[in-house]
């Protein structure tokens, strides 16, 4: 497969967090290539970077290094990001999440909560 065949492609993806004056690396060069229809599980101990990886691939957080492509759109690379409006459109069209804490509104029906 070549790069155009992937729905998600991450190359040397990195994420660091600022803690006070220090930069704390959370992900160190993650590589992921997913084609349409792929089924993937992320396994690892607490703190291994599973949630951080999903947040980056789902465009909920911004990487600090590497390259990320989603549905043929370069989300991050060479120090530049897509605009927030373009990220919103990509998430709306191509990303779905089921969070472990989904914070449903008790005054709405189940259907109303997911619409």
PDB file of N, CA and C in Angstrom:
ATOM      1  N   UNK A   1       0.846  -1.201   0.000  1.00  0.00           N
ATOM      2  CA  UNK A   1       0.000   0.000   0.000  1.00  0.00           C
ATOM      3  C   UNK A   1       0.878   1.247   0.000  1.00  0.00           C
ATOM      4  N   UNK A   2       0.375   2.288  -0.605  1.00  0.00           N
ATOM      5  CA  UNK A   2       1.091   3.552  -0.502  1.00  0.00           C
ATOM      6  C   UNK A   2       0.310   4.496   0.412  1.00  0.00           C
ATOM      7  N   UNK A   3       0.869   5.635   0.686  1.00  0.00           N
ATOM      8  CA  UNK A   3       0.281   6.582   1.645  1.00  0.00           C
ATOM      9  C   UNK A   3      -1.137   6.996   1.294  1.00  0.00           C
ATOM     10  N   UNK A   4      -1.475   7.037   0.015  1.00  0.00           N
ATOM     11  CA  UNK A   4      -2.814   7.470  -0.395  1.00  0.00           C
ATOM     12  C   UNK A   4      -3.898   6.449  -0.039  1.00  0.00           C
ATOM     13  N   UNK A   5      -3.499   5.218   0.264  1.00  0.00           N
ATOM     14  CA  UNK A   5      -4.460   4.161   0.583  1.00  0.00           C
ATOM     15  C   UNK A   5      -4.911   4.180   2.038  1.00  0.00           C
ATOM     16  N   UNK A   6      -4.287   4.976   2.871  1.00  0.00           N
ATOM     17  CA  UNK A   6      -4.588   4.973   4.298  1.00  0.00           C
ATOM     18  C   UNK A   6      -5.597   6.052   4.672  1.00  0.00           C
ATOM     19  N   UNK A   7      -6.501   5.708   5.580  1.00  0.00           N
ATOM     20  CA  UNK A   7      -7.443   6.681   6.127  1.00  0.00           C
ATOM     21  C   UNK A   7      -6.742   7.490   7.215  1.00  0.00           C
ATOM     22  N   UNK A   8      -5.897   6.813   7.986  1.00  0.00           N
ATOM     23  CA  UNK A   8      -5.099   7.461   9.029  1.00  0.00           C
ATOM     24  C   UNK A   8      -3.652   7.065   8.815  1.00  0.00           C
ATOM     25  N   UNK A   9      -2.783   8.053   8.815  1.00  0.00           N
ATOM     26  CA  UNK A   9      -1.354   7.767   8.769  1.00  0.00           C
ATOM     27  C   UNK A   9      -0.636   8.728   9.704  1.00  0.00           C
ATOM     28  N   UNK A  10       0.070   8.152  10.654  1.00  0.00           N
ATOM     29  CA  UNK A  10       0.881   8.932  11.589  1.00  0.00           C
ATOM     30  C   UNK A  10       2.321   8.471  11.434  1.00  0.00           C
ATOM     31  N   UNK A  11       3.208   9.415  11.264  1.00  0.00           N
ATOM     32  CA  UNK A  11       4.625   9.111  11.104  1.00  0.00           C
ATOM     33  C   UNK A  11       5.404   9.905  12.141  1.00  0.00           C
ATOM     34  N   UNK A  12       6.127   9.153  13.000  1.00  0.00           N
ATOM     35  CA  UNK A  12       6.937   9.767  14.058  1.00  0.00           C
ATOM     36  C   UNK A  12       6.125  10.759  14.895  1.00  0.00           C
ATOM     37  N   UNK A  13       4.860  10.443  15.141  1.00  0.00           N
ATOM     38  CA  UNK A  13       3.967  11.331  15.890  1.00  0.00           C
ATOM     39  C   UNK A  13       4.463  11.481  17.328  1.00  0.00           C
ATOM     40  N   UNK A  14       4.495  12.713  17.797  1.00  0.00           N
ATOM     41  CA  UNK A  14       4.998  13.011  19.140  1.00  0.00           C
ATOM     42  C   UNK A  14       4.038  13.936  19.868  1.00  0.00           C
ATOM     43  N   UNK A  15       4.026  13.803  21.180  1.00  0.00           N
ATOM     44  CA  UNK A  15       3.239  14.706  22.018  1.00  0.00           C
ATOM     45  C   UNK A  15       4.000  14.942  23.312  1.00  0.00           C
ATOM     46  N   UNK A  16       4.165  16.203  23.647  1.00  0.00           N
ATOM     47  CA  UNK A  16       4.779  16.603  24.911  1.00  0.00           C
ATOM     48  C   UNK A  16       3.853  17.580  25.605  1.00  0.00           C
ATOM     49  N   UNK A  17       3.904  17.575  26.929  1.00  0.00           N
ATOM     50  CA  UNK A  17       3.105  18.490  27.738  1.00  0.00           C
ATOM     51  C   UNK A  17       4.039  19.373  28.550  1.00  0.00           C
ATOM     52  N   UNK A  18       3.651  20.629  28.695  1.00  0.00           N
ATOM     53  CA  UNK A  18       4.425  21.542  29.528  1.00  0.00           C
ATOM     54  C   UNK A  18       3.956  21.388  30.969  1.00  0.00           C
ATOM     55  N   UNK A  19       4.898  21.101  31.847  1.00  0.00           N
ATOM     56  CA  UNK A  19       4.637  20.987  33.281  1.00  0.00           C
ATOM     57  C   UNK A  19       5.560  21.984  33.959  1.00  0.00           C
ATOM     58  N   UNK A  20       4.982  23.129  34.334  1.00  0.00           N
ATOM     59  CA  UNK A  20       5.823  24.204  34.864  1.00  0.00           C
ATOM     60  C   UNK A  20       6.757  24.682  33.775  1.00  0.00           C
ATOM     61  N   UNK A  21       8.057  24.637  34.043  1.00  0.00           N
ATOM     62  CA  UNK A  21       9.047  25.052  33.052  1.00  0.00           C
ATOM     63  C   UNK A  21       9.595  23.877  32.248  1.00  0.00           C
ATOM     64  N   UNK A  22       9.160  22.674  32.601  1.00  0.00           N
ATOM     65  CA  UNK A  22       9.668  21.471  31.936  1.00  0.00           C
ATOM     66  C   UNK A  22       8.730  21.018  30.824  1.00  0.00           C
ATOM     67  N   UNK A  23       9.303  20.388  29.827  1.00  0.00           N
ATOM     68  CA  UNK A  23       8.539  19.769  28.752  1.00  0.00           C
ATOM     69  C   UNK A  23       8.564  18.263  28.995  1.00  0.00           C
ATOM     70  N   UNK A  24       7.392  17.680  29.230  1.00  0.00           N
ATOM     71  CA  UNK A  24       7.281  16.264  29.559  1.00  0.00           C
ATOM     72  C   UNK A  24       6.822  15.485  28.327  1.00  0.00           C
ATOM     73  N   UNK A  25       7.707  14.655  27.740  1.00  0.00           N
ATOM     74  CA  UNK A  25       7.305  13.874  26.565  1.00  0.00           C
ATOM     75  C   UNK A  25       6.333  12.765  26.951  1.00  0.00           C
ATOM     76  N   UNK A  26       5.228  12.654  26.196  1.00  0.00           N
ATOM     77  CA  UNK A  26       4.223  11.619  26.452  1.00  0.00           C
ATOM     78  C   UNK A  26       4.255  10.538  25.369  1.00  0.00           C
ATOM     79  N   UNK A  27       4.471  10.926  24.126  1.00  0.00           N
ATOM     80  CA  UNK A  27       4.594   9.978  23.011  1.00  0.00           C
ATOM     81  C   UNK A  27       5.891  10.256  22.270  1.00  0.00           C
ATOM     82  N   UNK A  28       6.579   9.200  21.916  1.00  0.00           N
ATOM     83  CA  UNK A  28       7.880   9.330  21.260  1.00  0.00           C
ATOM     84  C   UNK A  28       7.864   8.640  19.902  1.00  0.00           C
ATOM     85  N   UNK A  29       7.450   9.302  18.869  1.00  0.00           N
ATOM     86  CA  UNK A  29       7.559   8.755  17.521  1.00  0.00           C
ATOM     87  C   UNK A  29       6.657   7.575  17.227  1.00  0.00           C
ATOM     88  N   UNK A  30       5.344   7.760  17.346  1.00  0.00           N
ATOM     89  CA  UNK A  30       4.364   6.719  17.052  1.00  0.00           C
ATOM     90  C   UNK A  30       4.140   6.650  15.538  1.00  0.00           C
ATOM     91  N   UNK A  31       4.154   5.443  14.991  1.00  0.00           N
ATOM     92  CA  UNK A  31       3.848   5.210  13.576  1.00  0.00           C
ATOM     93  C   UNK A  31       2.586   4.361  13.489  1.00  0.00           C
ATOM     94  N   UNK A  32       1.582   4.849  12.748  1.00  0.00           N
ATOM     95  CA  UNK A  32       0.324   4.128  12.554  1.00  0.00           C
ATOM     96  C   UNK A  32      -0.110   4.320  11.105  1.00  0.00           C
ATOM     97  N   UNK A  33      -0.518   3.235  10.468  1.00  0.00           N
ATOM     98  CA  UNK A  33      -1.089   3.304   9.120  1.00  0.00           C
ATOM     99  C   UNK A  33      -2.344   2.441   9.117  1.00  0.00           C
ATOM    100  N   UNK A  34      -3.507   3.073   8.926  1.00  0.00           N
ATOM    101  CA  UNK A  34      -4.784   2.366   8.966  1.00  0.00           C
ATOM    102  C   UNK A  34      -5.548   2.580   7.667  1.00  0.00           C
ATOM    103  N   UNK A  35      -5.963   1.473   7.064  1.00  0.00           N
ATOM    104  CA  UNK A  35      -6.786   1.532   5.857  1.00  0.00           C
ATOM    105  C   UNK A  35      -8.252   1.455   6.255  1.00  0.00           C
ATOM    106  N   UNK A  36      -9.126   1.851   5.366  1.00  0.00           N
ATOM    107  CA  UNK A  36     -10.558   1.761   5.619  1.00  0.00           C
ATOM    108  C   UNK A  36     -10.927   0.312   5.930  1.00  0.00           C
ATOM    109  N   UNK A  37     -11.694   0.113   6.995  1.00  0.00           N
ATOM    110  CA  UNK A  37     -12.117  -1.225   7.392  1.00  0.00           C
ATOM    111  C   UNK A  37     -11.196  -1.919   8.368  1.00  0.00           C
ATOM    112  N   UNK A  38     -10.021  -1.355   8.624  1.00  0.00           N
ATOM    113  CA  UNK A  38      -9.111  -1.952   9.607  1.00  0.00           C
ATOM    114  C   UNK A  38      -9.745  -1.929  10.988  1.00  0.00           C
ATOM    115  N   UNK A  39      -9.464  -2.940  11.764  1.00  0.00           N
ATOM    116  CA  UNK A  39      -9.910  -3.025  13.156  1.00  0.00           C
ATOM    117  C   UNK A  39      -8.659  -3.049  14.010  1.00  0.00           C
ATOM    118  N   UNK A  40      -8.567  -2.125  14.952  1.00  0.00           N
ATOM    119  CA  UNK A  40      -7.348  -1.960  15.743  1.00  0.00           C
ATOM    120  C   UNK A  40      -7.697  -1.863  17.215  1.00  0.00           C
ATOM    121  N   UNK A  41      -6.846  -2.444  18.047  1.00  0.00           N
ATOM    122  CA  UNK A  41      -6.972  -2.297  19.500  1.00  0.00           C
ATOM    123  C   UNK A  41      -5.669  -1.726  20.024  1.00  0.00           C
ATOM    124  N   UNK A  42      -5.765  -0.780  20.935  1.00  0.00           N
ATOM    125  CA  UNK A  42      -4.587  -0.266  21.622  1.00  0.00           C
ATOM    126  C   UNK A  42      -4.580  -0.858  23.018  1.00  0.00           C
ATOM    127  N   UNK A  43      -3.532  -1.575  23.332  1.00  0.00           N
ATOM    128  CA  UNK A  43      -3.412  -2.212  24.633  1.00  0.00           C
ATOM    129  C   UNK A  43      -2.162  -1.703  25.331  1.00  0.00           C
ATOM    130  N   UNK A  44      -2.242  -1.569  26.632  1.00  0.00           N
ATOM    131  CA  UNK A  44      -1.070  -1.172  27.395  1.00  0.00           C
ATOM    132  C   UNK A  44      -1.458  -0.754  28.784  1.00  0.00           C
ATOM    133  N   UNK A  45      -0.473  -0.645  29.647  1.00  0.00           N
ATOM    134  CA  UNK A  45      -0.751  -0.253  31.027  1.00  0.00           C
ATOM    135  C   UNK A  45      -1.166   1.213  31.116  1.00  0.00           C
ATOM    136  N   UNK A  46      -1.693   1.576  32.250  1.00  0.00           N
ATOM    137  CA  UNK A  46      -2.056   2.966  32.508  1.00  0.00           C
ATOM    138  C   UNK A  46      -0.834   3.855  32.291  1.00  0.00           C
ATOM    139  N   UNK A  47      -1.032   4.942  31.561  1.00  0.00           N
ATOM    140  CA  UNK A  47       0.066   5.874  31.316  1.00  0.00           C
ATOM    141  C   UNK A  47       0.906   5.543  30.100  1.00  0.00           C
ATOM    142  N   UNK A  48       0.530   4.511  29.343  1.00  0.00           N
ATOM    143  CA  UNK A  48       1.321   4.100  28.179  1.00  0.00           C
ATOM    144  C   UNK A  48       1.123   5.007  26.969  1.00  0.00           C
ATOM    145  N   UNK A  49       0.042   5.810  26.960  1.00  0.00           N
ATOM    146  CA  UNK A  49      -0.193   6.726  25.848  1.00  0.00           C
ATOM    147  C   UNK A  49      -1.357   6.350  24.951  1.00  0.00           C
ATOM    148  N   UNK A  50      -2.186   5.413  25.379  1.00  0.00           N
ATOM    149  CA  UNK A  50      -3.329   4.985  24.553  1.00  0.00           C
ATOM    150  C   UNK A  50      -4.299   6.138  24.305  1.00  0.00           C
ATOM    151  N   UNK A  51      -4.732   6.796  25.359  1.00  0.00           N
ATOM    152  CA  UNK A  51      -5.684   7.904  25.225  1.00  0.00           C
ATOM    153  C   UNK A  51      -5.059   9.063  24.468  1.00  0.00           C
ATOM    154  N   UNK A  52      -3.807   9.362  24.742  1.00  0.00           N
ATOM    155  CA  UNK A  52      -3.120  10.440  24.028  1.00  0.00           C
ATOM    156  C   UNK A  52      -3.069  10.136  22.537  1.00  0.00           C
ATOM    157  N   UNK A  53      -2.755   8.899  22.183  1.00  0.00           N
ATOM    158  CA  UNK A  53      -2.712   8.504  20.773  1.00  0.00           C
ATOM    159  C   UNK A  53      -4.074   8.674  20.112  1.00  0.00           C
ATOM    160  N   UNK A  54      -5.131   8.192  20.768  1.00  0.00           N
ATOM    161  CA  UNK A  54      -6.479   8.331  20.207  1.00  0.00           C
ATOM    162  C   UNK A  54      -6.887   9.794  20.077  1.00  0.00           C
ATOM    163  N   UNK A  55      -6.553  10.606  21.067  1.00  0.00           N
ATOM    164  CA  UNK A  55      -6.886  12.031  20.998  1.00  0.00           C
ATOM    165  C   UNK A  55      -6.167  12.719  19.844  1.00  0.00           C
ATOM    166  N   UNK A  56      -4.941  12.319  19.555  1.00  0.00           N
ATOM    167  CA  UNK A  56      -4.207  12.903  18.431  1.00  0.00           C
ATOM    168  C   UNK A  56      -4.780  12.427  17.099  1.00  0.00           C
ATOM    169  N   UNK A  57      -4.977  11.124  16.961  1.00  0.00           N
ATOM    170  CA  UNK A  57      -5.490  10.568  15.707  1.00  0.00           C
ATOM    171  C   UNK A  57      -6.911  11.062  15.432  1.00  0.00           C
ATOM    172  N   UNK A  58      -7.696  11.274  16.485  1.00  0.00           N
ATOM    173  CA  UNK A  58      -9.056  11.784  16.336  1.00  0.00           C
ATOM    174  C   UNK A  58      -9.141  13.294  16.245  1.00  0.00           C
ATOM    175  N   UNK A  59      -7.998  13.956  16.205  1.00  0.00           N
ATOM    176  CA  UNK A  59      -7.917  15.421  16.069  1.00  0.00           C
ATOM    177  C   UNK A  59      -8.565  16.157  17.239  1.00  0.00           C
ATOM    178  N   UNK A  60      -8.554  15.542  18.421  1.00  0.00           N
ATOM    179  CA  UNK A  60      -9.040  16.224  19.617  1.00  0.00           C
ATOM    180  C   UNK A  60      -7.915  16.957  20.328  1.00  0.00           C
ATOM    181  N   UNK A  61      -6.677  16.615  19.996  1.00  0.00           N
ATOM    182  CA  UNK A  61      -5.501  17.261  20.572  1.00  0.00           C
ATOM    183  C   UNK A  61      -4.485  17.439  19.455  1.00  0.00           C
ATOM    184  N   UNK A  62      -3.525  18.311  19.671  1.00  0.00           N
ATOM    185  CA  UNK A  62      -2.531  18.602  18.636  1.00  0.00           C
ATOM    186  C   UNK A  62      -1.195  17.949  18.958  1.00  0.00           C
ATOM    187  N   UNK A  63      -0.591  17.296  17.969  1.00  0.00           N
ATOM    188  CA  UNK A  63       0.740  16.727  18.186  1.00  0.00           C
ATOM    189  C   UNK A  63       1.785  17.831  18.294  1.00  0.00           C
ATOM    190  N   UNK A  64       2.920  17.490  18.859  1.00  0.00           N
ATOM    191  CA  UNK A  64       4.021  18.447  18.950  1.00  0.00           C
ATOM    192  C   UNK A  64       5.160  18.082  18.008  1.00  0.00           C
ATOM    193  N   UNK A  65       5.010  16.987  17.287  1.00  0.00           N
ATOM    194  CA  UNK A  65       6.023  16.584  16.326  1.00  0.00           C
ATOM    195  C   UNK A  65       5.501  15.468  15.439  1.00  0.00           C
ATOM    196  N   UNK A  66       6.206  15.229  14.354  1.00  0.00           N
ATOM    197  CA  UNK A  66       5.821  14.178  13.421  1.00  0.00           C
ATOM    198  C   UNK A  66       4.842  14.673  12.376  1.00  0.00           C
ATOM    199  N   UNK A  67       4.137  13.707  11.762  1.00  0.00           N
ATOM    200  CA  UNK A  67       3.177  14.052  10.717  1.00  0.00           C
ATOM    201  C   UNK A  67       1.919  13.213  10.909  1.00  0.00           C
ATOM    202  N   UNK A  68       0.760  13.838  10.730  1.00  0.00           N
ATOM    203  CA  UNK A  68      -0.521  13.151  10.868  1.00  0.00           C
ATOM    204  C   UNK A  68      -1.396  13.488   9.674  1.00  0.00           C
ATOM    205  N   UNK A  69      -1.888  12.443   9.000  1.00  0.00           N
ATOM    206  CA  UNK A  69      -2.790  12.600   7.865  1.00  0.00           C
ATOM    207  C   UNK A  69      -4.076  11.848   8.166  1.00  0.00           C
ATOM    208  N   UNK A  70      -5.213  12.494   7.941  1.00  0.00           N
ATOM    209  CA  UNK A  70      -6.526  11.891   8.167  1.00  0.00           C
ATOM    210  C   UNK A  70      -7.359  12.090   6.911  1.00  0.00           C
ATOM    211  N   UNK A  71      -7.816  10.994   6.324  1.00  0.00           N
ATOM    212  CA  UNK A  71      -8.663  11.026   5.126  1.00  0.00           C
ATOM    213  C   UNK A  71      -8.045  11.886   4.019  1.00  0.00           C
ATOM    214  N   UNK A  72      -6.740  11.723   3.823  1.00  0.00           N
ATOM    215  CA  UNK A  72      -6.045  12.442   2.770  1.00  0.00           C
ATOM    216  C   UNK A  72      -5.698  13.886   3.077  1.00  0.00           C
ATOM    217  N   UNK A  73      -6.006  14.352   4.279  1.00  0.00           N
ATOM    218  CA  UNK A  73      -5.717  15.729   4.682  1.00  0.00           C
ATOM    219  C   UNK A  73      -4.591  15.744   5.700  1.00  0.00           C
ATOM    220  N   UNK A  74      -3.538  16.495   5.399  1.00  0.00           N
ATOM    221  CA  UNK A  74      -2.455  16.601   6.374  1.00  0.00           C
ATOM    222  C   UNK A  74      -2.920  17.477   7.529  1.00  0.00           C
ATOM    223  N   UNK A  75      -3.149  16.853   8.675  1.00  0.00           N
ATOM    224  CA  UNK A  75      -3.615  17.548   9.873  1.00  0.00           C
ATOM    225  C   UNK A  75      -2.463  18.298  10.514  1.00  0.00           C
ATOM    226  N   UNK A  76      -1.304  17.646  10.564  1.00  0.00           N
ATOM    227  CA  UNK A  76      -0.125  18.264  11.155  1.00  0.00           C
ATOM    228  C   UNK A  76       1.103  17.784  10.401  1.00  0.00           C
ATOM    229  N   UNK A  77       2.022  18.682  10.187  1.00  0.00           N
ATOM    230  CA  UNK A  77       3.293  18.334   9.567  1.00  0.00           C
ATOM    231  C   UNK A  77       4.105  19.582   9.339  1.00  0.00           C
ATOM    232  N   UNK A  78       5.404  19.455   9.478  1.00  0.00           N
ATOM    233  CA  UNK A  78       6.315  20.586   9.283  1.00  0.00           C
ATOM    234  C   UNK A  78       5.949  21.780  10.157  1.00  0.00           C
ATOM    235  N   UNK A  79       5.432  21.497  11.351  1.00  0.00           N
ATOM    236  CA  UNK A  79       5.125  22.573  12.298  1.00  0.00           C
ATOM    237  C   UNK A  79       3.842  23.328  12.023  1.00  0.00           C
ATOM    238  N   UNK A  80       3.031  22.877  11.060  1.00  0.00           N
ATOM    239  CA  UNK A  80       1.784  23.582  10.759  1.00  0.00           C
ATOM    240  C   UNK A  80       0.577  22.672  10.984  1.00  0.00           C
ATOM    241  N   UNK A  81      -0.521  23.281  11.403  1.00  0.00           N
ATOM    242  CA  UNK A  81      -1.771  22.576  11.676  1.00  0.00           C
ATOM    243  C   UNK A  81      -2.843  23.031  10.694  1.00  0.00           C
ATOM    244  N   UNK A  82      -3.849  22.179  10.500  1.00  0.00           N
ATOM    245  CA  UNK A  82      -5.049  22.616   9.786  1.00  0.00           C
ATOM    246  C   UNK A  82      -5.782  23.646  10.638  1.00  0.00           C
ATOM    247  N   UNK A  83      -6.583  24.467  10.006  1.00  0.00           N
ATOM    248  CA  UNK A  83      -7.392  25.439  10.744  1.00  0.00           C
ATOM    249  C   UNK A  83      -8.439  24.709  11.578  1.00  0.00           C
ATOM    250  N   UNK A  84      -8.931  25.362  12.618  1.00  0.00           N
ATOM    251  CA  UNK A  84      -9.959  24.763  13.479  1.00  0.00           C
ATOM    252  C   UNK A  84     -11.222  24.428  12.689  1.00  0.00           C
ATOM    253  N   UNK A  85     -11.602  25.285  11.741  1.00  0.00           N
ATOM    254  CA  UNK A  85     -12.815  25.006  10.962  1.00  0.00           C
ATOM    255  C   UNK A  85     -12.632  23.762  10.092  1.00  0.00           C
ATOM    256  N   UNK A  86     -11.450  23.580   9.520  1.00  0.00           N
ATOM    257  CA  UNK A  86     -11.178  22.381   8.708  1.00  0.00           C
ATOM    258  C   UNK A  86     -11.101  21.138   9.594  1.00  0.00           C
ATOM    259  N   UNK A  87     -10.505  21.275  10.784  1.00  0.00           N
ATOM    260  CA  UNK A  87     -10.470  20.155  11.731  1.00  0.00           C
ATOM    261  C   UNK A  87     -11.878  19.754  12.147  1.00  0.00           C
ATOM    262  N   UNK A  88     -12.734  20.749  12.393  1.00  0.00           N
ATOM    263  CA  UNK A  88     -14.133  20.462  12.744  1.00  0.00           C
ATOM    264  C   UNK A  88     -14.811  19.651  11.644  1.00  0.00           C
ATOM    265  N   UNK A  89     -14.597  20.050  10.399  1.00  0.00           N
ATOM    266  CA  UNK A  89     -15.211  19.342   9.271  1.00  0.00           C
ATOM    267  C   UNK A  89     -14.676  17.910   9.163  1.00  0.00           C
ATOM    268  N   UNK A  90     -13.375  17.725   9.344  1.00  0.00           N
ATOM    269  CA  UNK A  90     -12.794  16.380   9.292  1.00  0.00           C
ATOM    270  C   UNK A  90     -13.345  15.490  10.397  1.00  0.00           C
ATOM    271  N   UNK A  91     -13.433  16.030  11.607  1.00  0.00           N
ATOM    272  CA  UNK A  91     -13.985  15.249  12.724  1.00  0.00           C
ATOM    273  C   UNK A  91     -15.438  14.874  12.443  1.00  0.00           C
ATOM    274  N   UNK A  92     -16.189  15.817  11.949  1.00  0.00           N
ATOM    275  CA  UNK A  92     -17.611  15.585  11.675  1.00  0.00           C
ATOM    276  C   UNK A  92     -17.796  14.482  10.623  1.00  0.00           C
ATOM    277  N   UNK A  93     -16.946  14.479   9.603  1.00  0.00           N
ATOM    278  CA  UNK A  93     -17.095  13.548   8.492  1.00  0.00           C
ATOM    279  C   UNK A  93     -16.420  12.196   8.703  1.00  0.00           C
ATOM    280  N   UNK A  94     -15.343  12.144   9.505  1.00  0.00           N
ATOM    281  CA  UNK A  94     -14.509  10.939   9.516  1.00  0.00           C
ATOM    282  C   UNK A  94     -14.190  10.345  10.885  1.00  0.00           C
ATOM    283  N   UNK A  95     -14.567  10.997  11.968  1.00  0.00           N
ATOM    284  CA  UNK A  95     -14.145  10.530  13.291  1.00  0.00           C
ATOM    285  C   UNK A  95     -15.361  10.246  14.154  1.00  0.00           C
ATOM    286  N   UNK A  96     -15.317   9.151  14.878  1.00  0.00           N
ATOM    287  CA  UNK A  96     -16.353   8.829  15.853  1.00  0.00           C
ATOM    288  C   UNK A  96     -15.708   8.317  17.125  1.00  0.00           C
ATOM    289  N   UNK A  97     -16.215   8.741  18.257  1.00  0.00           N
ATOM    290  CA  UNK A  97     -15.680   8.317  19.549  1.00  0.00           C
ATOM    291  C   UNK A  97     -16.807   7.838  20.437  1.00  0.00           C
ATOM    292  N   UNK A  98     -16.530   6.838  21.232  1.00  0.00           N
ATOM    293  CA  UNK A  98     -17.395   6.456  22.339  1.00  0.00           C
ATOM    294  C   UNK A  98     -16.515   6.571  23.574  1.00  0.00           C
ATOM    295  N   UNK A  99     -16.781   7.572  24.384  1.00  0.00           N
ATOM    296  CA  UNK A  99     -15.960   7.824  25.560  1.00  0.00           C
ATOM    297  C   UNK A  99     -16.394   6.929  26.716  1.00  0.00           C
ATOM    298  N   UNK A 100     -15.457   6.582  27.581  1.00  0.00           N
ATOM    299  CA  UNK A 100     -15.799   5.754  28.740  1.00  0.00           C
ATOM    300  C   UNK A 100     -16.702   6.517  29.701  1.00  0.00           C
ATOM    301  N   UNK A 101     -16.527   7.812  29.803  1.00  0.00           N
ATOM    302  CA  UNK A 101     -17.432   8.682  30.564  1.00  0.00           C
ATOM    303  C   UNK A 101     -18.160   9.543  29.546  1.00  0.00           C
ATOM    304  N   UNK A 102     -19.400   9.211  29.261  1.00  0.00           N
ATOM    305  CA  UNK A 102     -20.074   9.873  28.147  1.00  0.00           C
ATOM    306  C   UNK A 102     -21.010  10.993  28.559  1.00  0.00           C
ATOM    307  N   UNK A 103     -21.166  11.253  29.844  1.00  0.00           N
ATOM    308  CA  UNK A 103     -21.866  12.438  30.341  1.00  0.00           C
ATOM    309  C   UNK A 103     -23.186  12.717  29.621  1.00  0.00           C
ATOM    310  N   UNK A 104     -24.097  11.773  29.691  1.00  0.00           N
ATOM    311  CA  UNK A 104     -25.415  11.984  29.097  1.00  0.00           C
ATOM    312  C   UNK A 104     -26.200  12.998  29.920  1.00  0.00           C
ATOM    313  N   UNK A 105     -27.051  13.734  29.256  1.00  0.00           N
ATOM    314  CA  UNK A 105     -27.905  14.706  29.937  1.00  0.00           C
ATOM    315  C   UNK A 105     -29.180  13.996  30.378  1.00  0.00           C
ATOM    316  N   UNK A 106     -29.453  13.970  31.673  1.00  0.00           N
ATOM    317  CA  UNK A 106     -30.584  13.186  32.181  1.00  0.00           C
ATOM    318  C   UNK A 106     -31.949  13.683  31.715  1.00  0.00           C
ATOM    319  N   UNK A 107     -32.034  14.924  31.275  1.00  0.00           N
ATOM    320  CA  UNK A 107     -33.325  15.466  30.827  1.00  0.00           C
ATOM    321  C   UNK A 107     -33.653  15.089  29.385  1.00  0.00           C
ATOM    322  N   UNK A 108     -32.684  14.483  28.669  1.00  0.00           N
ATOM    323  CA  UNK A 108     -32.886  14.093  27.272  1.00  0.00           C
ATOM    324  C   UNK A 108     -33.041  12.582  27.164  1.00  0.00           C
ATOM    325  N   UNK A 109     -33.717  12.149  26.100  1.00  0.00           N
ATOM    326  CA  UNK A 109     -33.809  10.715  25.826  1.00  0.00           C
ATOM    327  C   UNK A 109     -32.451  10.227  25.319  1.00  0.00           C
ATOM    328  N   UNK A 110     -32.296   8.913  25.229  1.00  0.00           N
ATOM    329  CA  UNK A 110     -31.050   8.346  24.711  1.00  0.00           C
ATOM    330  C   UNK A 110     -30.787   8.852  23.293  1.00  0.00           C
ATOM    331  N   UNK A 111     -31.819   8.868  22.450  1.00  0.00           N
ATOM    332  CA  UNK A 111     -31.657   9.339  21.074  1.00  0.00           C
ATOM    333  C   UNK A 111     -31.274  10.817  21.037  1.00  0.00           C
ATOM    334  N   UNK A 112     -31.909  11.634  21.845  1.00  0.00           N
ATOM    335  CA  UNK A 112     -31.601  13.068  21.877  1.00  0.00           C
ATOM    336  C   UNK A 112     -30.164  13.311  22.333  1.00  0.00           C
ATOM    337  N   UNK A 113     -29.641  12.486  23.213  1.00  0.00           N
ATOM    338  CA  UNK A 113     -28.275  12.642  23.693  1.00  0.00           C
ATOM    339  C   UNK A 113     -27.233  12.390  22.614  1.00  0.00           C
ATOM    340  N   UNK A 114     -27.551  11.591  21.619  1.00  0.00           N
ATOM    341  CA  UNK A 114     -26.549  11.268  20.600  1.00  0.00           C
ATOM    342  C   UNK A 114     -26.763  11.989  19.275  1.00  0.00           C
ATOM    343  N   UNK A 115     -27.849  12.740  19.144  1.00  0.00           N
ATOM    344  CA  UNK A 115     -28.107  13.459  17.890  1.00  0.00           C
ATOM    345  C   UNK A 115     -27.258  14.695  17.792  1.00  0.00           C
TER     346      UNK A 115
END
